[in-house]
């Protein structure tokens, strides 16, 4: 599935994308924390296709100033399908007895 950069910016800002009849087609499920990369910041966006229930991920970048405004860019307009999983991690270490 491919989007335009403008569609993905709108999805991030409005948290939904609607069709011509104003029906919600895509909705944001989760937005990650902004990771500071110096002049730019990156953020992960997870959204759902309402009709199928499938989830997708893309990254949005912003630059600018907290005090004035931000400019947003999306470099990859082909979101990747993702699934929420729970993983268990086993840690082996020495413990006092």
N, C-alpha and C. Protein backbone atom coordinates (compact mmCIF):
# COMPACT_ATOMS: atom_id res chain seq x y z
N UNK A 1 0.85 -1.16 0.00
CA UNK A 1 0.00 0.00 0.00
C UNK A 1 0.90 1.23 0.00
N UNK A 2 0.63 2.15 -0.89
CA UNK A 2 1.43 3.35 -1.02
C UNK A 2 0.55 4.58 -0.82
N UNK A 3 1.09 5.55 -0.12
CA UNK A 3 0.41 6.81 0.17
C UNK A 3 1.22 7.95 -0.41
N UNK A 4 0.63 9.13 -0.45
CA UNK A 4 1.40 10.32 -0.76
C UNK A 4 1.97 10.86 0.55
N UNK A 5 2.99 11.68 0.45
CA UNK A 5 3.56 12.30 1.64
C UNK A 5 2.50 13.13 2.35
N UNK A 6 1.68 13.84 1.59
CA UNK A 6 0.63 14.68 2.18
C UNK A 6 -0.39 13.85 2.96
N UNK A 7 -0.76 12.68 2.45
CA UNK A 7 -1.70 11.81 3.16
C UNK A 7 -1.13 11.36 4.50
N UNK A 8 0.14 10.99 4.53
CA UNK A 8 0.74 10.52 5.78
C UNK A 8 0.94 11.66 6.76
N UNK A 9 1.22 12.85 6.29
CA UNK A 9 1.29 14.02 7.18
C UNK A 9 -0.09 14.27 7.79
N UNK A 10 -1.12 14.23 6.95
CA UNK A 10 -2.49 14.46 7.43
C UNK A 10 -2.89 13.39 8.44
N UNK A 11 -2.54 12.14 8.17
CA UNK A 11 -2.85 11.06 9.10
C UNK A 11 -2.21 11.32 10.45
N UNK A 12 -0.96 11.78 10.47
CA UNK A 12 -0.29 12.08 11.74
C UNK A 12 -0.98 13.25 12.45
N UNK A 13 -1.24 14.32 11.74
CA UNK A 13 -1.78 15.54 12.35
C UNK A 13 -3.24 15.37 12.78
N UNK A 14 -4.08 14.81 11.90
CA UNK A 14 -5.51 14.68 12.16
C UNK A 14 -5.87 13.38 12.89
N UNK A 15 -4.95 12.42 12.89
CA UNK A 15 -5.11 11.08 13.48
C UNK A 15 -6.13 10.21 12.74
N UNK A 16 -6.63 10.67 11.61
CA UNK A 16 -7.48 9.86 10.74
C UNK A 16 -7.28 10.29 9.29
N UNK A 17 -7.60 9.38 8.38
CA UNK A 17 -7.75 9.71 6.96
C UNK A 17 -9.15 9.28 6.57
N UNK A 18 -9.87 10.15 5.90
CA UNK A 18 -11.26 9.88 5.54
C UNK A 18 -11.40 9.81 4.03
N UNK A 19 -12.44 9.08 3.59
CA UNK A 19 -12.73 9.01 2.16
C UNK A 19 -13.61 10.19 1.75
N UNK A 20 -14.06 10.20 0.50
CA UNK A 20 -14.86 11.31 -0.01
C UNK A 20 -16.21 11.45 0.69
N UNK A 21 -16.68 10.39 1.36
CA UNK A 21 -17.94 10.43 2.10
C UNK A 21 -17.74 10.70 3.59
N UNK A 22 -16.51 11.10 3.96
CA UNK A 22 -16.14 11.41 5.34
C UNK A 22 -16.13 10.19 6.26
N UNK A 23 -16.05 8.98 5.69
CA UNK A 23 -15.90 7.77 6.49
C UNK A 23 -14.42 7.60 6.84
N UNK A 24 -14.14 7.20 8.08
CA UNK A 24 -12.75 6.97 8.50
C UNK A 24 -12.24 5.71 7.83
N UNK A 25 -11.16 5.84 7.08
CA UNK A 25 -10.56 4.71 6.38
C UNK A 25 -9.33 4.22 7.14
N UNK A 26 -8.56 5.15 7.69
CA UNK A 26 -7.36 4.83 8.47
C UNK A 26 -7.39 5.66 9.74
N UNK A 27 -6.93 5.06 10.86
CA UNK A 27 -6.87 5.81 12.11
C UNK A 27 -5.57 5.48 12.85
N UNK A 28 -4.99 6.50 13.46
CA UNK A 28 -3.76 6.33 14.23
C UNK A 28 -4.08 5.59 15.51
N UNK A 29 -3.28 4.56 15.80
CA UNK A 29 -3.44 3.77 17.00
C UNK A 29 -2.43 4.19 18.07
N UNK A 30 -1.21 4.48 17.62
CA UNK A 30 -0.15 4.80 18.57
C UNK A 30 0.89 5.69 17.89
N UNK A 31 1.36 6.67 18.64
CA UNK A 31 2.43 7.54 18.16
C UNK A 31 3.57 7.44 19.16
N UNK A 32 4.76 7.15 18.66
CA UNK A 32 5.92 7.01 19.54
C UNK A 32 6.44 8.35 20.01
N UNK A 33 7.47 8.28 20.84
CA UNK A 33 8.15 9.49 21.31
C UNK A 33 9.05 10.03 20.20
N UNK A 34 9.24 11.33 20.18
CA UNK A 34 10.15 11.92 19.22
C UNK A 34 11.58 11.63 19.62
N UNK A 35 12.36 11.04 18.71
CA UNK A 35 13.78 10.75 18.94
C UNK A 35 14.59 11.89 18.34
N UNK A 36 15.39 12.53 19.17
CA UNK A 36 16.17 13.68 18.73
C UNK A 36 17.39 13.22 17.95
N UNK A 37 17.49 13.69 16.72
CA UNK A 37 18.62 13.36 15.83
C UNK A 37 19.40 14.62 15.48
N UNK A 38 19.46 15.57 16.42
CA UNK A 38 20.15 16.84 16.15
C UNK A 38 19.18 17.85 15.57
N UNK A 39 19.36 18.18 14.30
CA UNK A 39 18.50 19.16 13.65
C UNK A 39 17.10 18.60 13.38
N UNK A 40 16.99 17.28 13.29
CA UNK A 40 15.72 16.62 12.99
C UNK A 40 15.29 15.73 14.14
N UNK A 41 14.00 15.43 14.19
CA UNK A 41 13.45 14.48 15.13
C UNK A 41 12.60 13.48 14.35
N UNK A 42 12.66 12.20 14.76
CA UNK A 42 11.89 11.15 14.10
C UNK A 42 10.88 10.56 15.07
N UNK A 43 9.76 10.11 14.52
CA UNK A 43 8.70 9.53 15.33
C UNK A 43 8.04 8.38 14.57
N UNK A 44 7.76 7.29 15.28
CA UNK A 44 7.07 6.13 14.70
C UNK A 44 5.56 6.33 14.84
N UNK A 45 4.83 6.01 13.77
CA UNK A 45 3.37 6.12 13.79
C UNK A 45 2.79 4.76 13.42
N UNK A 46 1.91 4.24 14.27
CA UNK A 46 1.19 2.98 14.01
C UNK A 46 -0.26 3.35 13.72
N UNK A 47 -0.76 2.85 12.59
CA UNK A 47 -2.15 3.14 12.24
C UNK A 47 -2.85 1.88 11.76
N UNK A 48 -4.18 1.93 11.77
CA UNK A 48 -5.00 0.77 11.40
C UNK A 48 -5.84 1.09 10.18
N UNK A 49 -5.91 0.13 9.26
CA UNK A 49 -6.86 0.20 8.16
C UNK A 49 -8.19 -0.31 8.71
N UNK A 50 -9.18 0.55 8.81
CA UNK A 50 -10.43 0.23 9.49
C UNK A 50 -11.14 -0.97 8.86
N UNK A 51 -11.17 -1.07 7.55
CA UNK A 51 -11.93 -2.13 6.88
C UNK A 51 -11.35 -3.53 7.10
N UNK A 52 -10.03 -3.62 7.27
CA UNK A 52 -9.40 -4.94 7.43
C UNK A 52 -8.89 -5.21 8.84
N UNK A 53 -8.70 -4.16 9.62
CA UNK A 53 -8.14 -4.31 10.96
C UNK A 53 -6.62 -4.50 10.95
N UNK A 54 -5.99 -4.41 9.78
CA UNK A 54 -4.54 -4.56 9.69
C UNK A 54 -3.85 -3.29 10.17
N UNK A 55 -2.68 -3.48 10.79
CA UNK A 55 -1.91 -2.37 11.32
C UNK A 55 -0.65 -2.15 10.49
N UNK A 56 -0.25 -0.87 10.39
CA UNK A 56 0.91 -0.49 9.58
C UNK A 56 1.75 0.52 10.35
N UNK A 57 3.04 0.64 9.94
CA UNK A 57 3.96 1.56 10.59
C UNK A 57 4.69 2.40 9.54
N UNK A 58 4.89 3.66 9.88
CA UNK A 58 5.76 4.53 9.11
C UNK A 58 6.42 5.51 10.07
N UNK A 59 7.42 6.22 9.58
CA UNK A 59 8.13 7.19 10.39
C UNK A 59 7.96 8.57 9.78
N UNK A 60 7.76 9.55 10.65
CA UNK A 60 7.64 10.94 10.21
C UNK A 60 8.77 11.73 10.85
N UNK A 61 9.29 12.70 10.13
CA UNK A 61 10.40 13.52 10.60
C UNK A 61 9.94 14.96 10.69
N UNK A 62 10.43 15.65 11.70
CA UNK A 62 10.11 17.08 11.82
C UNK A 62 11.39 17.87 12.07
N UNK A 63 11.35 19.12 11.64
CA UNK A 63 12.43 20.06 11.92
C UNK A 63 11.77 21.40 12.20
N UNK A 64 12.47 22.23 12.90
CA UNK A 64 11.92 23.54 13.23
C UNK A 64 12.10 23.83 14.69
N UNK A 65 11.18 24.59 15.24
CA UNK A 65 11.30 25.06 16.61
C UNK A 65 10.01 24.85 17.39
N UNK A 66 10.16 24.42 18.62
CA UNK A 66 9.04 24.30 19.55
C UNK A 66 8.35 25.65 19.71
N UNK A 67 9.12 26.73 19.61
CA UNK A 67 8.60 28.07 19.86
C UNK A 67 7.93 28.70 18.65
N UNK A 68 8.15 28.18 17.46
CA UNK A 68 7.52 28.79 16.28
C UNK A 68 6.65 27.77 15.55
N UNK A 69 7.27 26.86 14.79
CA UNK A 69 6.50 25.85 14.08
C UNK A 69 7.43 24.71 13.64
N UNK A 70 6.83 23.61 13.27
CA UNK A 70 7.57 22.47 12.75
C UNK A 70 7.20 22.24 11.30
N UNK A 71 8.16 21.77 10.52
CA UNK A 71 7.93 21.28 9.16
C UNK A 71 8.01 19.76 9.24
N UNK A 72 7.05 19.06 8.66
CA UNK A 72 7.02 17.61 8.70
C UNK A 72 7.36 17.03 7.33
N UNK A 73 8.08 15.90 7.33
CA UNK A 73 8.42 15.20 6.11
C UNK A 73 8.26 13.70 6.33
N UNK A 74 7.84 13.01 5.27
CA UNK A 74 7.78 11.55 5.27
C UNK A 74 8.60 11.09 4.08
N UNK A 75 9.67 10.33 4.35
CA UNK A 75 10.57 9.92 3.28
C UNK A 75 10.16 8.61 2.63
N UNK A 76 9.54 7.73 3.40
CA UNK A 76 9.11 6.43 2.87
C UNK A 76 7.59 6.40 2.90
N UNK A 77 6.96 6.47 1.73
CA UNK A 77 5.50 6.53 1.67
C UNK A 77 4.86 5.17 1.46
N UNK A 78 5.59 4.12 1.81
CA UNK A 78 5.10 2.74 1.69
C UNK A 78 5.14 2.08 3.06
N UNK A 79 4.11 2.33 3.93
CA UNK A 79 4.11 1.78 5.28
C UNK A 79 4.22 0.25 5.29
N UNK A 80 4.80 -0.27 6.35
CA UNK A 80 5.04 -1.70 6.52
C UNK A 80 3.96 -2.27 7.44
N UNK A 81 3.41 -3.43 7.08
CA UNK A 81 2.43 -4.08 7.95
C UNK A 81 3.12 -4.59 9.20
N UNK A 82 2.50 -4.37 10.36
CA UNK A 82 3.05 -4.79 11.64
C UNK A 82 1.98 -5.49 12.46
N UNK A 83 2.42 -6.23 13.47
CA UNK A 83 1.51 -6.89 14.41
C UNK A 83 2.05 -6.68 15.82
N UNK A 84 1.17 -6.51 16.76
CA UNK A 84 1.55 -6.35 18.15
C UNK A 84 1.85 -7.73 18.72
N UNK A 85 3.05 -7.90 19.27
CA UNK A 85 3.45 -9.17 19.86
C UNK A 85 3.96 -8.94 21.27
N UNK A 86 3.85 -9.97 22.08
CA UNK A 86 4.43 -9.95 23.42
C UNK A 86 5.56 -10.95 23.44
N UNK A 87 6.74 -10.48 23.83
CA UNK A 87 7.91 -11.34 23.87
C UNK A 87 8.40 -11.45 25.31
N UNK A 88 8.84 -12.63 25.68
CA UNK A 88 9.40 -12.87 27.00
C UNK A 88 10.91 -12.99 26.86
N UNK A 89 11.62 -12.27 27.72
CA UNK A 89 13.08 -12.31 27.69
C UNK A 89 13.56 -13.02 28.95
N UNK A 90 14.44 -14.00 28.79
CA UNK A 90 15.02 -14.72 29.90
C UNK A 90 16.40 -14.16 30.17
N UNK A 91 16.65 -13.80 31.42
CA UNK A 91 17.94 -13.24 31.81
C UNK A 91 18.63 -14.22 32.74
N UNK A 92 19.87 -14.55 32.46
CA UNK A 92 20.66 -15.43 33.32
C UNK A 92 21.72 -14.58 34.00
N UNK A 93 21.74 -14.64 35.34
CA UNK A 93 22.75 -13.87 36.09
C UNK A 93 22.99 -14.54 37.43
N UNK A 94 24.08 -14.15 38.09
CA UNK A 94 24.42 -14.69 39.41
C UNK A 94 23.66 -13.92 40.47
N UNK A 95 23.07 -14.69 41.43
CA UNK A 95 22.27 -14.10 42.49
C UNK A 95 22.76 -14.63 43.83
N UNK A 96 22.83 -13.78 44.82
CA UNK A 96 23.25 -14.21 46.18
C UNK A 96 22.25 -15.21 46.74
N UNK A 97 22.78 -16.24 47.47
CA UNK A 97 21.90 -17.24 48.08
C UNK A 97 22.06 -17.26 49.57
